[in-house]
Amino acid sequence: MKKVLFIFLTISLLLMTSCQSIALVVKSGVSGVPLWVNKLPEKEGVVYFVGRGVGETLSQAKGEAINNMLASVSNALGTDITGKYFSSMMTNESVEEAGLSLVDDYNRLDLESNVYIYYVLSSATEENLSKVRESEYNRVLEREKTIEELLEKAKESYKKNNDVQSVIYCLEAVIVSSEGRMDYPEYQYTALIDKATEYLSNIKLKLSDKNDKMGTVKVRLVRDKGLFHPNITNALVTANFPLSGYEGKRFSLTFKTGEDGIFNFSKSYSPMANEGTVIFYLDFSSWIEKAEKYIDSAAFEKFNSVNDKIRGDFVYSKTSYINDGELVICIGEYDSKGKLLDSTYAQEAIKSYFVNEGIYSACVKLESEDKEAILEEVKQDYPEAKYLIWGMVGATDIYAAPTGNDIRTAEGISYFFRLSDGYLIASDDHIKSLSWADEDEVFEDLFTSYGKDLAANFTNYL
């Protein structure tokens, strides 16, 4: 009786197994997909993964299928490797490092929805997956160590009253954290952004000693927390201001606060317009942009909102202390053979530029050639003059352009003197102008361009 019962149970199990296999075969046959879509193959030491994708194009559907398959691999590994391995799987259909390879695929066009449906089957050895899992875990440990060191540096910077650097260290930690899996909540990028925001929220930017006529202002950073409100030292602050001669264009320079948390800003930068608004702020954009390669920009919404409030606006309208007739301009113009020309294009361009800045000058021709003689000649002939811009510009090289016409260049050297004592206020020997003009217009084009650039460089000393 027992023998009969055993035989009956054995036959029943075989029939059940056979029925399940038959059901899968029937299901696959009806849907038109391979058997492995519904039942993964089995092989000792090998792990299989299936991915499904839908797309308007075959390539799009395949990409989604591979991405879906890699998501399954990520679940098996306990770390996200989709971004890391996607490109290799799409182009080579394998990843050597993980021993992962595409072993089969299937696709069809769904006529009803007019989209492609794509399936992929990949395999990897358990041994290789273990190596990848171990490698990824080691990377997690390395990231944790790096973040721990950065947070410690942030604490030390805070103790030294360099709060801005503390924020930067936290943002660097955010970048490290966002590159992969982090197991500890305090090392995850959301917590690190909150830490950076905490440091940032106590920083205040203050402006004092404003002199809009001279374009000078004192900029100070303080920690608005506790009783003493310490000054924030060695902090990088960006100044953004309008450019002279370029409507609507602005330029940025970075300054560093001293041990007193202060730096003095003055309108002494050649690109800066004579009037406008200087905006002072803390610029963390480069660190945020690096992090945004891995995480969504929305993660920085609170941080950016706090940072937008740390700024100062300084409206200035600098007036020249040079009156009409106190400035003399003399720029000699030479052809490519060194012959002095009768033209005065450069100095006329300088004069016109200065008029737009509210500065009036006199253009002259001087006979002398050395510095001392020139200064004496100007003092004698123009006793009311207080300043002199003197120099020379000459046509130099000619280059053949691919278009067939010639490119001509000019360069010069010019000086800005205070006549009372011969003091050299500024000099310039790097301006180089270019022209594609015809030969009869080339000197006017070259020397006018030189004059405008020189005036832009010297205007802030007037």
Protein backbone atom coordinates (compact mmCIF):
# COMPACT_ATOMS: atom_id res chain seq x y z
CA MET A 1 0.00 0.00 0.00
CA LYS A 2 2.82 2.39 0.90
CA LYS A 3 4.56 1.57 -2.39
CA VAL A 4 1.42 2.41 -4.37
CA LEU A 5 1.01 5.70 -2.46
CA PHE A 6 4.64 6.69 -3.23
CA ILE A 7 4.21 5.99 -6.93
CA PHE A 8 0.98 8.04 -6.96
CA LEU A 9 2.65 11.04 -5.30
CA THR A 10 5.62 10.87 -7.65
CA ILE A 11 3.38 10.81 -10.72
CA SER A 12 1.33 13.72 -9.30
CA LEU A 13 4.43 15.88 -8.78
CA LEU A 14 5.69 15.15 -12.29
CA LEU A 15 2.32 16.06 -13.70
CA MET A 16 2.21 19.33 -11.70
CA THR A 17 5.70 20.32 -12.84
CA SER A 18 4.88 19.40 -16.39
CA CYS A 19 1.64 21.39 -16.24
CA GLN A 20 3.50 24.50 -14.96
CA SER A 21 6.07 24.21 -17.78
CA ILE A 22 3.34 23.65 -20.31
CA ALA A 23 1.48 26.69 -18.96
CA LEU A 24 4.56 28.87 -19.36
CA VAL A 25 5.13 27.55 -22.86
CA VAL A 26 1.50 28.23 -23.74
CA LYS A 27 1.69 31.73 -22.19
CA SER A 28 4.86 32.52 -24.12
CA GLY A 29 3.38 31.16 -27.30
CA VAL A 30 0.20 33.19 -26.98
CA SER A 31 2.05 36.44 -26.18
CA GLY A 32 4.75 35.75 -28.74
CA VAL A 33 7.62 36.32 -26.28
CA PRO A 34 10.50 33.92 -25.48
CA LEU A 35 10.11 31.56 -22.55
CA TRP A 36 12.87 33.37 -20.57
CA VAL A 37 10.68 36.51 -20.31
CA ASN A 38 8.38 34.67 -17.90
CA LYS A 39 10.86 32.18 -16.39
CA LEU A 40 14.55 32.90 -15.96
CA PRO A 41 16.98 30.19 -17.07
CA GLU A 42 18.76 28.25 -14.36
CA LYS A 43 22.45 27.41 -14.36
CA GLU A 44 24.77 26.74 -11.47
CA GLY A 45 26.94 29.77 -10.58
CA VAL A 46 25.12 32.05 -13.04
CA VAL A 47 22.52 34.73 -12.35
CA TYR A 48 20.10 35.92 -15.04
CA PHE A 49 18.30 39.27 -15.36
CA VAL A 50 15.47 40.37 -17.64
CA GLY A 51 14.61 43.88 -18.70
CA ARG A 52 11.61 45.27 -20.59
CA GLY A 53 11.38 48.53 -22.50
CA VAL A 54 8.86 50.43 -24.61
CA GLY A 55 9.69 53.19 -27.07
CA GLU A 56 8.67 54.97 -30.23
CA THR A 57 11.93 53.79 -31.83
CA LEU A 58 13.71 50.46 -31.57
CA SER A 59 16.79 52.12 -30.07
CA GLN A 60 14.69 53.93 -27.47
CA ALA A 61 12.91 50.71 -26.49
CA LYS A 62 16.22 48.82 -26.22
CA GLY A 63 17.71 51.56 -24.04
CA GLU A 64 14.73 51.41 -21.68
CA ALA A 65 14.97 47.61 -21.55
CA ILE A 66 18.67 47.69 -20.69
CA ASN A 67 18.05 50.36 -18.08
CA ASN A 68 15.27 48.22 -16.59
CA MET A 69 17.57 45.17 -16.57
CA LEU A 70 20.37 47.12 -14.87
CA ALA A 71 17.90 48.23 -12.21
CA SER A 72 17.39 44.53 -11.39
CA VAL A 73 21.17 44.06 -11.20
CA SER A 74 21.36 47.07 -8.88
CA ASN A 75 18.80 45.48 -6.56
CA ALA A 76 20.88 42.33 -6.45
CA LEU A 77 24.05 44.28 -5.67
CA GLY A 78 22.48 46.69 -3.17
CA THR A 79 23.87 49.70 -5.03
CA ASP A 80 22.78 51.64 -8.11
CA ILE A 81 24.97 50.82 -11.14
CA THR A 82 22.54 51.79 -13.91
CA GLY A 83 24.30 55.04 -14.84
CA LYS A 84 27.73 53.47 -14.55
CA TYR A 85 27.10 50.49 -16.84
CA PHE A 86 24.37 51.75 -19.19
CA SER A 87 26.65 53.09 -21.94
CA SER A 88 28.76 49.92 -22.06
CA MET A 89 25.68 47.67 -22.24
CA MET A 90 24.16 49.75 -25.04
CA THR A 91 27.28 49.83 -27.21
CA ASN A 92 29.13 46.61 -26.33
CA GLU A 93 26.23 44.62 -24.84
CA SER A 94 28.56 43.63 -22.02
CA VAL A 95 30.39 44.95 -18.96
CA GLU A 96 33.74 43.29 -18.49
CA GLU A 97 34.17 44.49 -14.89
CA ALA A 98 30.95 42.78 -13.76
CA GLY A 99 31.10 39.84 -16.16
CA LEU A 100 27.67 40.96 -17.31
CA SER A 101 26.63 40.30 -20.90
CA LEU A 102 23.55 40.27 -23.09
CA VAL A 103 22.70 36.68 -24.01
CA ASP A 104 19.38 37.12 -25.80
CA ASP A 105 16.85 39.73 -26.85
CA TYR A 106 13.44 39.98 -28.42
CA ASN A 107 11.45 42.87 -29.86
CA ARG A 108 8.24 43.48 -31.72
CA LEU A 109 6.15 46.39 -32.97
CA ASP A 110 2.79 46.65 -31.24
CA LEU A 111 0.48 47.55 -34.12
CA GLU A 112 -2.30 48.78 -31.86
CA SER A 113 -0.19 51.37 -29.99
CA ASN A 114 2.49 51.74 -32.70
CA VAL A 115 5.35 51.39 -30.20
CA TYR A 116 8.22 48.93 -29.96
CA ILE A 117 8.38 46.45 -27.09
CA TYR A 118 11.84 45.17 -26.32
CA TYR A 119 13.07 42.45 -23.95
CA VAL A 120 16.68 41.69 -23.03
CA LEU A 121 18.18 38.77 -21.15
CA SER A 122 21.59 39.14 -19.53
CA SER A 123 23.72 36.92 -17.35
CA ALA A 124 26.59 37.26 -14.92
CA THR A 125 28.51 34.83 -12.76
CA GLU A 126 27.89 34.92 -9.02
CA GLU A 127 31.65 35.28 -8.54
CA ASN A 128 31.86 38.46 -10.63
CA LEU A 129 28.78 39.96 -8.99
CA SER A 130 30.37 39.35 -5.58
CA LYS A 131 33.48 41.19 -6.72
CA VAL A 132 31.40 44.15 -7.94
CA ARG A 133 29.41 44.13 -4.69
CA GLU A 134 32.65 44.18 -2.68
CA SER A 135 34.15 46.90 -4.91
CA GLU A 136 31.04 49.08 -4.57
CA TYR A 137 31.02 48.59 -0.82
CA ASN A 138 34.67 49.69 -0.65
CA ARG A 139 33.74 52.80 -2.62
CA VAL A 140 31.03 53.53 -0.08
CA LEU A 141 33.60 53.26 2.72
CA GLU A 142 35.96 55.60 0.84
CA ARG A 143 33.20 58.15 0.35
CA GLU A 144 32.27 57.96 4.03
CA LYS A 145 35.88 58.59 5.03
CA THR A 146 36.19 61.56 2.66
CA ILE A 147 32.95 63.09 3.93
CA GLU A 148 34.01 62.63 7.54
CA GLU A 149 37.29 64.48 6.81
CA LEU A 150 35.47 67.31 5.01
CA LEU A 151 33.02 67.78 7.89
CA GLU A 152 35.91 67.92 10.34
CA LYS A 153 37.57 70.60 8.18
CA ALA A 154 34.30 72.52 8.17
CA LYS A 155 34.30 72.50 11.99
CA GLU A 156 37.90 73.73 12.11
CA SER A 157 37.18 76.53 9.63
CA TYR A 158 34.21 77.60 11.73
CA LYS A 159 36.43 77.78 14.82
CA LYS A 160 38.77 80.06 12.86
CA ASN A 161 35.81 82.31 11.86
CA ASN A 162 35.96 81.28 8.21
CA ASP A 163 32.30 80.35 7.85
CA VAL A 164 32.33 80.62 4.07
CA GLN A 165 35.00 77.93 3.84
CA SER A 166 32.88 75.77 6.16
CA VAL A 167 30.03 76.04 3.66
CA ILE A 168 32.38 75.09 0.81
CA TYR A 169 33.63 71.99 2.65
CA CYS A 170 30.02 70.90 3.21
CA LEU A 171 29.23 71.40 -0.49
CA GLU A 172 32.29 69.33 -1.40
CA ALA A 173 30.91 66.62 0.88
CA VAL A 174 27.57 66.89 -0.96
CA ILE A 175 29.34 66.20 -4.25
CA VAL A 176 31.06 63.11 -2.81
CA SER A 177 27.83 61.84 -1.27
CA SER A 178 25.80 62.33 -4.43
CA GLU A 179 28.19 60.14 -6.45
CA GLY A 180 26.82 56.89 -4.99
CA ARG A 181 25.17 55.00 -2.19
CA MET A 182 25.57 56.27 1.37
CA ASP A 183 24.37 54.06 4.25
CA TYR A 184 24.49 56.57 7.12
CA PRO A 185 21.73 59.24 7.07
CA GLU A 186 24.13 61.99 8.23
CA TYR A 187 26.35 61.32 5.21
CA GLN A 188 23.55 61.46 2.65
CA TYR A 189 23.51 64.57 0.47
CA THR A 190 20.22 65.94 1.85
CA ALA A 191 21.67 66.05 5.38
CA LEU A 192 24.90 67.61 4.09
CA ILE A 193 23.02 70.33 2.19
CA ASP A 194 21.16 71.09 5.41
CA LYS A 195 24.51 71.37 7.21
CA ALA A 196 25.84 73.77 4.57
CA THR A 197 22.62 75.82 4.87
CA GLU A 198 23.02 75.94 8.65
CA TYR A 199 26.50 77.49 8.35
CA LEU A 200 25.27 79.81 5.60
CA SER A 201 22.22 81.10 7.48
CA ASN A 202 24.38 82.88 10.08
CA ILE A 203 26.42 84.90 7.56
CA LYS A 204 25.60 88.57 7.03
CA LEU A 205 27.11 90.94 4.45
CA LYS A 206 27.31 94.62 5.44
CA LEU A 207 28.31 97.73 3.46
CA SER A 208 29.66 100.91 5.05
CA ASP A 209 31.65 104.07 4.26
CA LYS A 210 29.93 104.40 0.90
CA ASN A 211 31.27 107.09 -1.41
CA ASP A 212 29.25 107.00 -4.60
CA LYS A 213 31.19 109.87 -6.18
CA MET A 214 34.53 108.05 -5.84
CA GLY A 215 33.06 104.56 -6.28
CA THR A 216 34.40 103.23 -2.98
CA VAL A 217 32.73 101.13 -0.28
CA LYS A 218 33.76 98.95 2.66
CA VAL A 219 32.45 95.36 2.54
CA ARG A 220 32.26 93.32 5.74
CA LEU A 221 31.19 89.75 6.52
CA VAL A 222 30.06 88.82 10.03
CA ARG A 223 28.55 85.80 11.77
CA ASP A 224 25.19 86.96 13.03
CA LYS A 225 25.03 84.53 15.92
CA GLY A 226 25.84 84.71 19.63
CA LEU A 227 26.97 87.74 21.59
CA PHE A 228 30.09 88.84 19.76
CA HIS A 229 29.17 88.60 16.04
CA PRO A 230 32.72 87.67 14.94
CA ASN A 231 34.11 88.88 11.64
CA ILE A 232 34.36 86.20 8.94
CA THR A 233 37.94 86.02 7.73
CA ASN A 234 39.55 84.89 4.46
CA ALA A 235 36.14 84.64 2.80
CA LEU A 236 35.70 84.93 -0.96
CA VAL A 237 33.15 87.57 -1.98
CA THR A 238 32.17 88.27 -5.59
CA ALA A 239 31.62 91.79 -6.91
CA ASN A 240 29.54 92.11 -10.07
CA PHE A 241 29.46 95.48 -11.88
CA PRO A 242 28.61 97.03 -15.28
CA LEU A 243 31.16 97.24 -18.05
CA SER A 244 32.15 100.55 -19.57
CA GLY A 245 31.15 100.93 -23.21
CA TYR A 246 29.07 97.71 -23.28
CA GLU A 247 25.38 98.36 -22.69
CA GLY A 248 23.87 95.75 -20.39
CA LYS A 249 27.10 93.77 -19.99
CA ARG A 250 28.48 93.01 -16.52
CA PHE A 251 31.76 91.67 -15.13
CA SER A 252 32.68 89.81 -11.94
CA LEU A 253 35.75 89.88 -9.70
CA THR A 254 36.42 87.94 -6.50
CA PHE A 255 37.81 89.53 -3.32
CA LYS A 256 38.91 88.06 0.02
CA THR A 257 38.11 89.47 3.43
CA GLY A 258 41.00 90.18 5.80
CA GLU A 259 41.43 89.22 9.43
CA ASP A 260 38.94 91.99 10.28
CA GLY A 261 36.36 90.46 7.93
CA ILE A 262 36.65 93.48 5.60
CA PHE A 263 37.86 94.38 2.14
CA ASN A 264 37.72 97.82 0.56
CA PHE A 265 36.22 98.06 -2.90
CA SER A 266 37.11 100.93 -5.20
CA LYS A 267 36.32 101.80 -8.78
CA SER A 268 39.79 101.20 -10.17
CA TYR A 269 39.20 98.35 -12.61
CA SER A 270 39.53 99.21 -16.27
CA PRO A 271 36.36 97.38 -17.44
CA MET A 272 34.14 99.13 -14.89
CA ALA A 273 31.65 101.78 -16.03
CA ASN A 274 31.67 105.22 -14.41
CA GLU A 275 28.20 104.72 -12.97
CA GLY A 276 26.00 101.77 -12.08
CA THR A 277 25.35 99.27 -9.30
CA VAL A 278 27.87 96.88 -7.79
CA ILE A 279 26.33 93.68 -6.41
CA PHE A 280 28.29 91.85 -3.70
CA TYR A 281 27.40 88.20 -3.02
CA LEU A 282 28.74 84.75 -2.15
CA ASP A 283 29.15 82.56 -5.22
CA PHE A 284 28.82 78.80 -4.66
CA SER A 285 27.65 78.04 -8.20
CA SER A 286 30.66 75.94 -9.24
CA TRP A 287 30.17 73.46 -6.37
CA ILE A 288 26.43 73.27 -6.91
CA GLU A 289 26.89 72.65 -10.64
CA LYS A 290 29.20 69.71 -9.89
CA ALA A 291 26.62 68.20 -7.54
CA GLU A 292 23.82 68.72 -10.05
CA LYS A 293 25.48 66.17 -12.34
CA TYR A 294 24.19 63.56 -9.91
CA ILE A 295 21.24 65.10 -8.04
CA ASP A 296 18.31 67.34 -8.90
CA SER A 297 18.77 71.10 -8.58
CA ALA A 298 15.62 71.25 -6.42
CA ALA A 299 17.71 69.82 -3.56
CA PHE A 300 19.42 73.23 -3.27
CA GLU A 301 16.22 75.29 -3.19
CA LYS A 302 16.48 76.18 0.52
CA PHE A 303 20.24 76.73 0.32
CA ASN A 304 19.89 79.11 -2.64
CA SER A 305 17.02 80.93 -0.96
CA VAL A 306 19.20 81.63 2.10
CA ASN A 307 22.19 82.61 -0.04
CA ASP A 308 20.12 85.08 -2.13
CA LYS A 309 19.61 87.15 1.02
CA ILE A 310 23.37 87.48 1.66
CA ARG A 311 24.13 90.35 -0.69
CA GLY A 312 24.72 94.06 -0.82
CA ASP A 313 24.00 96.60 -3.55
CA PHE A 314 26.17 99.69 -3.97
CA VAL A 315 24.91 102.39 -6.34
CA TYR A 316 27.67 104.72 -7.50
CA SER A 317 28.08 107.57 -9.97
CA LYS A 318 31.73 108.47 -10.04
CA THR A 319 32.51 111.93 -11.36
CA SER A 320 35.88 112.84 -12.79
CA TYR A 321 38.07 115.22 -10.85
CA ILE A 322 39.53 116.45 -14.15
CA ASN A 323 38.00 119.67 -15.48
CA ASP A 324 37.85 120.99 -19.03
CA GLY A 325 41.30 121.78 -20.41
CA GLU A 326 43.23 119.96 -17.68
CA LEU A 327 43.90 116.82 -19.76
CA VAL A 328 46.14 116.78 -22.85
CA ILE A 329 46.28 113.85 -25.28
CA CYS A 330 49.03 113.16 -27.79
CA ILE A 331 49.29 109.78 -29.60
CA GLY A 332 51.68 109.54 -32.53
CA GLU A 333 50.63 107.25 -35.39
CA TYR A 334 53.12 105.36 -37.59
CA ASP A 335 52.88 103.23 -40.70
CA SER A 336 54.43 99.74 -41.01
CA LYS A 337 57.77 101.27 -42.12
CA GLY A 338 58.03 103.49 -39.04
CA LYS A 339 57.04 106.73 -40.76
CA LEU A 340 55.12 109.24 -38.59
CA LEU A 341 51.76 109.98 -40.14
CA ASP A 342 49.72 113.19 -40.03
CA SER A 343 46.62 111.31 -38.83
CA THR A 344 45.17 111.66 -35.29
CA TYR A 345 42.61 108.85 -35.28
CA ALA A 346 43.71 107.33 -31.94
CA GLN A 347 43.64 110.52 -29.89
CA GLU A 348 40.35 111.64 -31.42
CA ALA A 349 38.86 108.28 -30.46
CA ILE A 350 40.15 108.76 -26.89
CA LYS A 351 38.71 112.25 -26.73
CA SER A 352 35.29 111.06 -27.96
CA TYR A 353 35.28 108.19 -25.46
CA PHE A 354 36.08 110.54 -22.56
CA VAL A 355 33.31 112.97 -23.57
CA ASN A 356 30.80 110.17 -22.98
CA GLU A 357 32.27 109.83 -19.49
CA GLY A 358 31.94 113.58 -18.81
CA ILE A 359 35.67 114.25 -19.30
CA TYR A 360 36.84 116.92 -21.74
CA SER A 361 40.37 117.02 -23.12
CA ALA A 362 42.61 118.70 -25.68
CA CYS A 363 44.32 116.85 -28.54
CA VAL A 364 47.74 118.15 -29.57
CA LYS A 365 50.82 117.28 -31.60
CA LEU A 366 54.13 117.37 -29.72
CA GLU A 367 57.57 117.87 -31.21
CA SER A 368 59.59 116.32 -28.38
CA GLU A 369 60.30 112.59 -28.15
CA ASP A 370 61.70 111.81 -24.68
CA LYS A 371 59.69 111.92 -21.46
CA GLU A 372 61.29 114.94 -19.74
CA ALA A 373 61.19 117.10 -22.88
CA ILE A 374 57.57 116.18 -23.54
CA LEU A 375 56.47 117.07 -20.00
CA GLU A 376 58.22 120.45 -20.22
CA GLU A 377 56.70 121.16 -23.62
CA VAL A 378 53.17 120.49 -22.35
CA LYS A 379 53.70 122.60 -19.21
CA GLN A 380 54.94 125.46 -21.33
CA ASP A 381 52.30 125.35 -24.06
CA TYR A 382 49.37 124.31 -21.82
CA PRO A 383 49.93 125.86 -18.40
CA GLU A 384 46.43 124.91 -17.19
CA ALA A 385 46.95 121.23 -17.98
CA LYS A 386 47.34 118.83 -15.08
CA TYR A 387 47.51 115.48 -16.87
CA LEU A 388 48.98 114.05 -20.07
CA ILE A 389 48.25 110.88 -22.04
CA TRP A 390 51.15 110.38 -24.42
CA GLY A 391 52.11 107.45 -26.57
CA MET A 392 52.58 105.98 -30.00
CA VAL A 393 50.85 103.32 -32.09
CA GLY A 394 52.05 101.71 -35.30
CA ALA A 395 50.83 99.31 -37.96
CA THR A 396 52.66 96.00 -37.74
CA ASP A 397 52.02 92.63 -39.32
CA ILE A 398 49.88 91.69 -42.33
CA TYR A 399 48.29 88.23 -42.50
CA ALA A 400 46.52 86.63 -45.44
CA ALA A 401 42.99 85.62 -44.44
CA PRO A 402 41.30 82.49 -45.90
CA THR A 403 38.71 84.82 -47.45
CA GLY A 404 41.40 86.37 -49.65
CA ASN A 405 41.65 89.78 -47.99
CA ASP A 406 44.44 90.85 -45.62
CA ILE A 407 44.30 91.10 -41.84
CA ARG A 408 46.35 94.04 -40.57
CA THR A 409 47.37 94.66 -36.97
CA ALA A 410 48.62 97.56 -34.89
CA GLU A 411 50.01 97.88 -31.38
CA GLY A 412 51.48 100.63 -29.26
CA ILE A 413 52.64 101.90 -25.89
CA SER A 414 51.07 104.77 -23.98
CA TYR A 415 51.55 106.59 -20.67
CA PHE A 416 49.35 108.59 -18.33
CA PHE A 417 51.34 111.30 -16.45
CA ARG A 418 50.58 113.76 -13.68
CA LEU A 419 52.26 116.95 -14.90
CA SER A 420 52.93 118.58 -11.52
CA ASP A 421 55.66 116.07 -10.60
CA GLY A 422 55.95 113.82 -13.68
CA TYR A 423 54.38 110.90 -11.78
CA LEU A 424 53.43 107.96 -14.01
CA ILE A 425 49.85 107.12 -13.04
CA ALA A 426 49.41 104.26 -15.51
CA SER A 427 50.86 102.76 -18.67
CA ASP A 428 49.73 100.28 -21.31
CA ASP A 429 51.76 98.25 -23.77
CA HIS A 430 49.55 95.22 -24.50
CA ILE A 431 46.68 96.58 -26.62
CA LYS A 432 46.63 95.14 -30.12
CA SER A 433 44.04 96.06 -32.74
CA LEU A 434 43.09 94.22 -35.94
CA SER A 435 41.44 95.30 -39.17
CA TRP A 436 40.11 93.75 -42.37
CA ALA A 437 39.54 97.17 -43.97
CA ASP A 438 40.81 98.21 -47.39
CA GLU A 439 44.25 99.78 -47.56
CA ASP A 440 42.91 103.34 -47.78
CA GLU A 441 40.84 102.85 -44.62
CA VAL A 442 43.03 100.48 -42.64
CA PHE A 443 44.88 103.14 -40.59
CA GLU A 444 41.68 104.83 -39.50
CA ASP A 445 40.21 101.48 -38.49
CA LEU A 446 43.33 100.26 -36.64
CA PHE A 447 44.16 103.48 -34.77
CA THR A 448 40.54 104.30 -33.86
CA SER A 449 40.15 100.81 -32.37
CA TYR A 450 43.41 101.23 -30.44
CA GLY A 451 42.28 104.60 -29.10
CA LYS A 452 38.95 103.24 -27.82
CA ASP A 453 40.63 100.34 -26.01
CA LEU A 454 43.24 102.64 -24.47
CA ALA A 455 40.56 105.07 -23.27
CA ALA A 456 38.65 102.18 -21.63
CA ASN A 457 41.81 101.19 -19.76
CA PHE A 458 42.70 104.72 -18.60
CA THR A 459 39.22 106.08 -17.80
CA ASN A 460 39.18 104.68 -14.28
CA TYR A 461 42.26 106.68 -13.33
CA LEU A 462 40.57 109.97 -14.21
